[in-house]
């Protein structure tokens, strides 16, 4: 199993990348839309294929951003 905890400082959000060593399939959990390029770069660097993106909860508005 491949596991990465990715932090996005502007929204103070953690995103998780899980991948399978055998199938090279991956899932991204709670991604931040503005960090898509970084996620795709990491997925490519690891030689994974993104199969799913999962949101476990939503943020409505800027309340989750640091001032």
PDB file of N, CA and C in Angstrom:
ATOM      1  N   UNK A   1       0.836  -1.181   0.000  1.00  0.00           N
ATOM      2  CA  UNK A   1       0.000   0.000   0.000  1.00  0.00           C
ATOM      3  C   UNK A   1       0.876   1.238   0.000  1.00  0.00           C
ATOM      4  N   UNK A   2       0.463   2.187  -0.797  1.00  0.00           N
ATOM      5  CA  UNK A   2       1.121   3.487  -0.869  1.00  0.00           C
ATOM      6  C   UNK A   2       0.217   4.489  -0.161  1.00  0.00           C
ATOM      7  N   UNK A   3       0.798   5.274   0.730  1.00  0.00           N
ATOM      8  CA  UNK A   3       0.022   6.255   1.489  1.00  0.00           C
ATOM      9  C   UNK A   3       0.782   7.567   1.527  1.00  0.00           C
ATOM     10  N   UNK A   4       0.101   8.632   1.205  1.00  0.00           N
ATOM     11  CA  UNK A   4       0.664   9.974   1.327  1.00  0.00           C
ATOM     12  C   UNK A   4      -0.367  10.884   1.985  1.00  0.00           C
ATOM     13  N   UNK A   5       0.112  11.669   2.956  1.00  0.00           N
ATOM     14  CA  UNK A   5      -0.717  12.713   3.559  1.00  0.00           C
ATOM     15  C   UNK A   5      -0.208  14.027   2.973  1.00  0.00           C
ATOM     16  N   UNK A   6      -1.077  14.724   2.264  1.00  0.00           N
ATOM     17  CA  UNK A   6      -0.706  15.949   1.570  1.00  0.00           C
ATOM     18  C   UNK A   6      -1.396  17.130   2.250  1.00  0.00           C
ATOM     19  N   UNK A   7      -0.643  18.188   2.534  1.00  0.00           N
ATOM     20  CA  UNK A   7      -1.192  19.333   3.255  1.00  0.00           C
ATOM     21  C   UNK A   7      -1.284  20.546   2.338  1.00  0.00           C
ATOM     22  N   UNK A   8      -2.423  21.216   2.355  1.00  0.00           N
ATOM     23  CA  UNK A   8      -2.650  22.436   1.593  1.00  0.00           C
ATOM     24  C   UNK A   8      -2.776  23.573   2.602  1.00  0.00           C
ATOM     25  N   UNK A   9      -1.760  24.443   2.719  1.00  0.00           N
ATOM     26  CA  UNK A   9      -1.721  25.429   3.803  1.00  0.00           C
ATOM     27  C   UNK A   9      -2.752  26.552   3.727  1.00  0.00           C
ATOM     28  N   UNK A  10      -3.161  26.981   2.541  1.00  0.00           N
ATOM     29  CA  UNK A  10      -4.120  28.093   2.469  1.00  0.00           C
ATOM     30  C   UNK A  10      -5.467  27.729   3.071  1.00  0.00           C
ATOM     31  N   UNK A  11      -5.916  26.504   2.851  1.00  0.00           N
ATOM     32  CA  UNK A  11      -7.199  26.078   3.414  1.00  0.00           C
ATOM     33  C   UNK A  11      -7.012  25.245   4.670  1.00  0.00           C
ATOM     34  N   UNK A  12      -5.741  25.015   5.048  1.00  0.00           N
ATOM     35  CA  UNK A  12      -5.426  24.225   6.237  1.00  0.00           C
ATOM     36  C   UNK A  12      -6.070  22.834   6.143  1.00  0.00           C
ATOM     37  N   UNK A  13      -5.918  22.212   4.978  1.00  0.00           N
ATOM     38  CA  UNK A  13      -6.608  20.963   4.678  1.00  0.00           C
ATOM     39  C   UNK A  13      -5.627  19.839   4.392  1.00  0.00           C
ATOM     40  N   UNK A  14      -5.924  18.670   4.926  1.00  0.00           N
ATOM     41  CA  UNK A  14      -5.165  17.467   4.593  1.00  0.00           C
ATOM     42  C   UNK A  14      -5.916  16.668   3.543  1.00  0.00           C
ATOM     43  N   UNK A  15      -5.177  16.194   2.556  1.00  0.00           N
ATOM     44  CA  UNK A  15      -5.687  15.302   1.527  1.00  0.00           C
ATOM     45  C   UNK A  15      -4.892  14.021   1.625  1.00  0.00           C
ATOM     46  N   UNK A  16      -5.549  12.907   1.374  1.00  0.00           N
ATOM     47  CA  UNK A  16      -4.882  11.609   1.487  1.00  0.00           C
ATOM     48  C   UNK A  16      -4.873  10.907   0.140  1.00  0.00           C
ATOM     49  N   UNK A  17      -3.728  10.336  -0.192  1.00  0.00           N
ATOM     50  CA  UNK A  17      -3.556   9.566  -1.409  1.00  0.00           C
ATOM     51  C   UNK A  17      -3.259   8.125  -1.007  1.00  0.00           C
ATOM     52  N   UNK A  18      -4.104   7.214  -1.454  1.00  0.00           N
ATOM     53  CA  UNK A  18      -3.905   5.788  -1.208  1.00  0.00           C
ATOM     54  C   UNK A  18      -3.725   5.102  -2.546  1.00  0.00           C
ATOM     55  N   UNK A  19      -2.720   4.234  -2.625  1.00  0.00           N
ATOM     56  CA  UNK A  19      -2.463   3.526  -3.864  1.00  0.00           C
ATOM     57  C   UNK A  19      -2.141   2.062  -3.607  1.00  0.00           C
ATOM     58  N   UNK A  20      -2.377   1.243  -4.611  1.00  0.00           N
ATOM     59  CA  UNK A  20      -2.098  -0.185  -4.537  1.00  0.00           C
ATOM     60  C   UNK A  20      -0.776  -0.473  -5.246  1.00  0.00           C
ATOM     61  N   UNK A  21       0.137  -1.150  -4.554  1.00  0.00           N
ATOM     62  CA  UNK A  21       1.425  -1.507  -5.135  1.00  0.00           C
ATOM     63  C   UNK A  21       1.283  -2.433  -6.339  1.00  0.00           C
ATOM     64  N   UNK A  22       0.284  -3.288  -6.315  1.00  0.00           N
ATOM     65  CA  UNK A  22       0.129  -4.286  -7.373  1.00  0.00           C
ATOM     66  C   UNK A  22      -0.604  -3.744  -8.598  1.00  0.00           C
ATOM     67  N   UNK A  23      -1.768  -3.131  -8.392  1.00  0.00           N
ATOM     68  CA  UNK A  23      -2.588  -2.675  -9.525  1.00  0.00           C
ATOM     69  C   UNK A  23      -2.208  -1.275  -9.992  1.00  0.00           C
ATOM     70  N   UNK A  24      -1.498  -0.507  -9.146  1.00  0.00           N
ATOM     71  CA  UNK A  24      -1.108   0.884  -9.411  1.00  0.00           C
ATOM     72  C   UNK A  24      -2.321   1.812  -9.469  1.00  0.00           C
ATOM     73  N   UNK A  25      -3.457   1.369  -8.936  1.00  0.00           N
ATOM     74  CA  UNK A  25      -4.644   2.212  -8.868  1.00  0.00           C
ATOM     75  C   UNK A  25      -4.597   3.046  -7.593  1.00  0.00           C
ATOM     76  N   UNK A  26      -5.192   4.245  -7.663  1.00  0.00           N
ATOM     77  CA  UNK A  26      -5.135   5.157  -6.531  1.00  0.00           C
ATOM     78  C   UNK A  26      -6.464   5.850  -6.303  1.00  0.00           C
ATOM     79  N   UNK A  27      -6.635   6.304  -5.069  1.00  0.00           N
ATOM     80  CA  UNK A  27      -7.798   7.103  -4.693  1.00  0.00           C
ATOM     81  C   UNK A  27      -7.281   8.336  -3.949  1.00  0.00           C
ATOM     82  N   UNK A  28      -7.898   9.473  -4.216  1.00  0.00           N
ATOM     83  CA  UNK A  28      -7.571  10.729  -3.558  1.00  0.00           C
ATOM     84  C   UNK A  28      -8.743  11.082  -2.650  1.00  0.00           C
ATOM     85  N   UNK A  29      -8.461  11.317  -1.374  1.00  0.00           N
ATOM     86  CA  UNK A  29      -9.510  11.576  -0.393  1.00  0.00           C
ATOM     87  C   UNK A  29      -9.432  13.029   0.072  1.00  0.00           C
ATOM     88  N   UNK A  30     -10.534  13.729  -0.054  1.00  0.00           N
ATOM     89  CA  UNK A  30     -10.681  15.135   0.340  1.00  0.00           C
ATOM     90  C   UNK A  30      -9.695  16.074  -0.353  1.00  0.00           C
ATOM     91  N   UNK A  31      -9.657  16.053  -1.690  1.00  0.00           N
ATOM     92  CA  UNK A  31      -8.744  16.960  -2.399  1.00  0.00           C
ATOM     93  C   UNK A  31      -9.228  18.412  -2.354  1.00  0.00           C
ATOM     94  N   UNK A  32      -8.282  19.317  -2.491  1.00  0.00           N
ATOM     95  CA  UNK A  32      -8.551  20.751  -2.599  1.00  0.00           C
ATOM     96  C   UNK A  32      -8.412  21.100  -4.079  1.00  0.00           C
ATOM     97  N   UNK A  33      -9.428  21.676  -4.665  1.00  0.00           N
ATOM     98  CA  UNK A  33      -9.475  21.900  -6.111  1.00  0.00           C
ATOM     99  C   UNK A  33      -8.288  22.703  -6.626  1.00  0.00           C
ATOM    100  N   UNK A  34      -7.799  23.644  -5.858  1.00  0.00           N
ATOM    101  CA  UNK A  34      -6.678  24.469  -6.314  1.00  0.00           C
ATOM    102  C   UNK A  34      -5.345  23.741  -6.282  1.00  0.00           C
ATOM    103  N   UNK A  35      -5.303  22.546  -5.737  1.00  0.00           N
ATOM    104  CA  UNK A  35      -4.059  21.760  -5.650  1.00  0.00           C
ATOM    105  C   UNK A  35      -4.026  20.603  -6.639  1.00  0.00           C
ATOM    106  N   UNK A  36      -4.946  20.607  -7.598  1.00  0.00           N
ATOM    107  CA  UNK A  36      -5.062  19.501  -8.547  1.00  0.00           C
ATOM    108  C   UNK A  36      -3.750  19.197  -9.272  1.00  0.00           C
ATOM    109  N   UNK A  37      -3.054  20.229  -9.748  1.00  0.00           N
ATOM    110  CA  UNK A  37      -1.805  20.000 -10.483  1.00  0.00           C
ATOM    111  C   UNK A  37      -0.762  19.295  -9.609  1.00  0.00           C
ATOM    112  N   UNK A  38      -0.672  19.699  -8.357  1.00  0.00           N
ATOM    113  CA  UNK A  38       0.270  19.055  -7.434  1.00  0.00           C
ATOM    114  C   UNK A  38      -0.082  17.601  -7.171  1.00  0.00           C
ATOM    115  N   UNK A  39      -1.370  17.330  -7.008  1.00  0.00           N
ATOM    116  CA  UNK A  39      -1.807  15.942  -6.798  1.00  0.00           C
ATOM    117  C   UNK A  39      -1.467  15.079  -8.004  1.00  0.00           C
ATOM    118  N   UNK A  40      -1.778  15.588  -9.191  1.00  0.00           N
ATOM    119  CA  UNK A  40      -1.513  14.820 -10.402  1.00  0.00           C
ATOM    120  C   UNK A  40      -0.018  14.590 -10.603  1.00  0.00           C
ATOM    121  N   UNK A  41       0.794  15.561 -10.223  1.00  0.00           N
ATOM    122  CA  UNK A  41       2.250  15.388 -10.310  1.00  0.00           C
ATOM    123  C   UNK A  41       2.720  14.279  -9.371  1.00  0.00           C
ATOM    124  N   UNK A  42       2.217  14.272  -8.153  1.00  0.00           N
ATOM    125  CA  UNK A  42       2.598  13.228  -7.183  1.00  0.00           C
ATOM    126  C   UNK A  42       2.120  11.852  -7.646  1.00  0.00           C
ATOM    127  N   UNK A  43       0.915  11.792  -8.155  1.00  0.00           N
ATOM    128  CA  UNK A  43       0.363  10.527  -8.661  1.00  0.00           C
ATOM    129  C   UNK A  43       1.218  10.014  -9.817  1.00  0.00           C
ATOM    130  N   UNK A  44       1.600  10.902 -10.728  1.00  0.00           N
ATOM    131  CA  UNK A  44       2.454  10.517 -11.841  1.00  0.00           C
ATOM    132  C   UNK A  44       3.836  10.087 -11.385  1.00  0.00           C
ATOM    133  N   UNK A  45       4.402  10.825 -10.427  1.00  0.00           N
ATOM    134  CA  UNK A  45       5.723  10.495  -9.882  1.00  0.00           C
ATOM    135  C   UNK A  45       5.739   9.093  -9.275  1.00  0.00           C
ATOM    136  N   UNK A  46       4.644   8.710  -8.655  1.00  0.00           N
ATOM    137  CA  UNK A  46       4.536   7.397  -8.022  1.00  0.00           C
ATOM    138  C   UNK A  46       4.128   6.300  -9.018  1.00  0.00           C
ATOM    139  N   UNK A  47       3.836   6.687 -10.243  1.00  0.00           N
ATOM    140  CA  UNK A  47       3.441   5.714 -11.259  1.00  0.00           C
ATOM    141  C   UNK A  47       2.066   5.123 -11.023  1.00  0.00           C
ATOM    142  N   UNK A  48       1.162   5.937 -10.471  1.00  0.00           N
ATOM    143  CA  UNK A  48      -0.185   5.475 -10.156  1.00  0.00           C
ATOM    144  C   UNK A  48      -1.190   5.981 -11.184  1.00  0.00           C
ATOM    145  N   UNK A  49      -2.342   5.333 -11.229  1.00  0.00           N
ATOM    146  CA  UNK A  49      -3.475   5.761 -12.043  1.00  0.00           C
ATOM    147  C   UNK A  49      -4.612   6.141 -11.103  1.00  0.00           C
ATOM    148  N   UNK A  50      -5.041   7.378 -11.159  1.00  0.00           N
ATOM    149  CA  UNK A  50      -6.129   7.841 -10.297  1.00  0.00           C
ATOM    150  C   UNK A  50      -7.454   7.257 -10.784  1.00  0.00           C
ATOM    151  N   UNK A  51      -8.094   6.499  -9.919  1.00  0.00           N
ATOM    152  CA  UNK A  51      -9.360   5.850 -10.252  1.00  0.00           C
ATOM    153  C   UNK A  51     -10.546   6.598  -9.635  1.00  0.00           C
ATOM    154  N   UNK A  52     -10.371   7.062  -8.394  1.00  0.00           N
ATOM    155  CA  UNK A  52     -11.461   7.746  -7.689  1.00  0.00           C
ATOM    156  C   UNK A  52     -10.938   8.953  -6.933  1.00  0.00           C
ATOM    157  N   UNK A  53     -11.828   9.909  -6.756  1.00  0.00           N
ATOM    158  CA  UNK A  53     -11.633  11.038  -5.868  1.00  0.00           C
ATOM    159  C   UNK A  53     -12.845  11.063  -4.952  1.00  0.00           C
ATOM    160  N   UNK A  54     -12.606  11.105  -3.650  1.00  0.00           N
ATOM    161  CA  UNK A  54     -13.690  10.982  -2.673  1.00  0.00           C
ATOM    162  C   UNK A  54     -13.716  12.198  -1.756  1.00  0.00           C
ATOM    163  N   UNK A  55     -14.897  12.760  -1.576  1.00  0.00           N
ATOM    164  CA  UNK A  55     -15.112  13.848  -0.621  1.00  0.00           C
ATOM    165  C   UNK A  55     -15.819  13.261   0.598  1.00  0.00           C
ATOM    166  N   UNK A  56     -15.208  13.385   1.762  1.00  0.00           N
ATOM    167  CA  UNK A  56     -15.856  12.871   2.974  1.00  0.00           C
ATOM    168  C   UNK A  56     -16.734  13.926   3.632  1.00  0.00           C
ATOM    169  N   UNK A  57     -16.514  15.189   3.266  1.00  0.00           N
ATOM    170  CA  UNK A  57     -17.323  16.290   3.785  1.00  0.00           C
ATOM    171  C   UNK A  57     -17.095  17.490   2.872  1.00  0.00           C
ATOM    172  N   UNK A  58     -17.910  18.514   3.018  1.00  0.00           N
ATOM    173  CA  UNK A  58     -17.748  19.716   2.205  1.00  0.00           C
ATOM    174  C   UNK A  58     -17.515  20.925   3.098  1.00  0.00           C
ATOM    175  N   UNK A  59     -16.932  21.932   2.503  1.00  0.00           N
ATOM    176  CA  UNK A  59     -16.735  23.214   3.167  1.00  0.00           C
ATOM    177  C   UNK A  59     -17.571  24.236   2.420  1.00  0.00           C
ATOM    178  N   UNK A  60     -18.429  24.927   3.136  1.00  0.00           N
ATOM    179  CA  UNK A  60     -19.256  25.949   2.485  1.00  0.00           C
ATOM    180  C   UNK A  60     -18.683  27.325   2.794  1.00  0.00           C
ATOM    181  N   UNK A  61     -18.115  27.918   1.790  1.00  0.00           N
ATOM    182  CA  UNK A  61     -17.577  29.257   1.955  1.00  0.00           C
ATOM    183  C   UNK A  61     -16.193  29.267   2.561  1.00  0.00           C
ATOM    184  N   UNK A  62     -15.725  30.451   2.915  1.00  0.00           N
ATOM    185  CA  UNK A  62     -14.344  30.621   3.371  1.00  0.00           C
ATOM    186  C   UNK A  62     -14.118  30.324   4.843  1.00  0.00           C
ATOM    187  N   UNK A  63     -15.074  29.746   5.539  1.00  0.00           N
ATOM    188  CA  UNK A  63     -14.917  29.567   6.985  1.00  0.00           C
ATOM    189  C   UNK A  63     -13.742  28.682   7.351  1.00  0.00           C
ATOM    190  N   UNK A  64     -13.276  27.862   6.438  1.00  0.00           N
ATOM    191  CA  UNK A  64     -12.185  26.961   6.752  1.00  0.00           C
ATOM    192  C   UNK A  64     -10.823  27.545   6.428  1.00  0.00           C
ATOM    193  N   UNK A  65     -10.781  28.756   5.957  1.00  0.00           N
ATOM    194  CA  UNK A  65      -9.497  29.394   5.627  1.00  0.00           C
ATOM    195  C   UNK A  65      -8.960  30.161   6.825  1.00  0.00           C
ATOM    196  N   UNK A  66      -7.658  30.157   6.920  1.00  0.00           N
ATOM    197  CA  UNK A  66      -7.021  30.958   7.974  1.00  0.00           C
ATOM    198  C   UNK A  66      -6.984  32.420   7.571  1.00  0.00           C
ATOM    199  N   UNK A  67      -7.114  33.295   8.545  1.00  0.00           N
ATOM    200  CA  UNK A  67      -7.073  34.731   8.266  1.00  0.00           C
ATOM    201  C   UNK A  67      -5.649  35.213   8.231  1.00  0.00           C
TER     202      UNK A  67
END
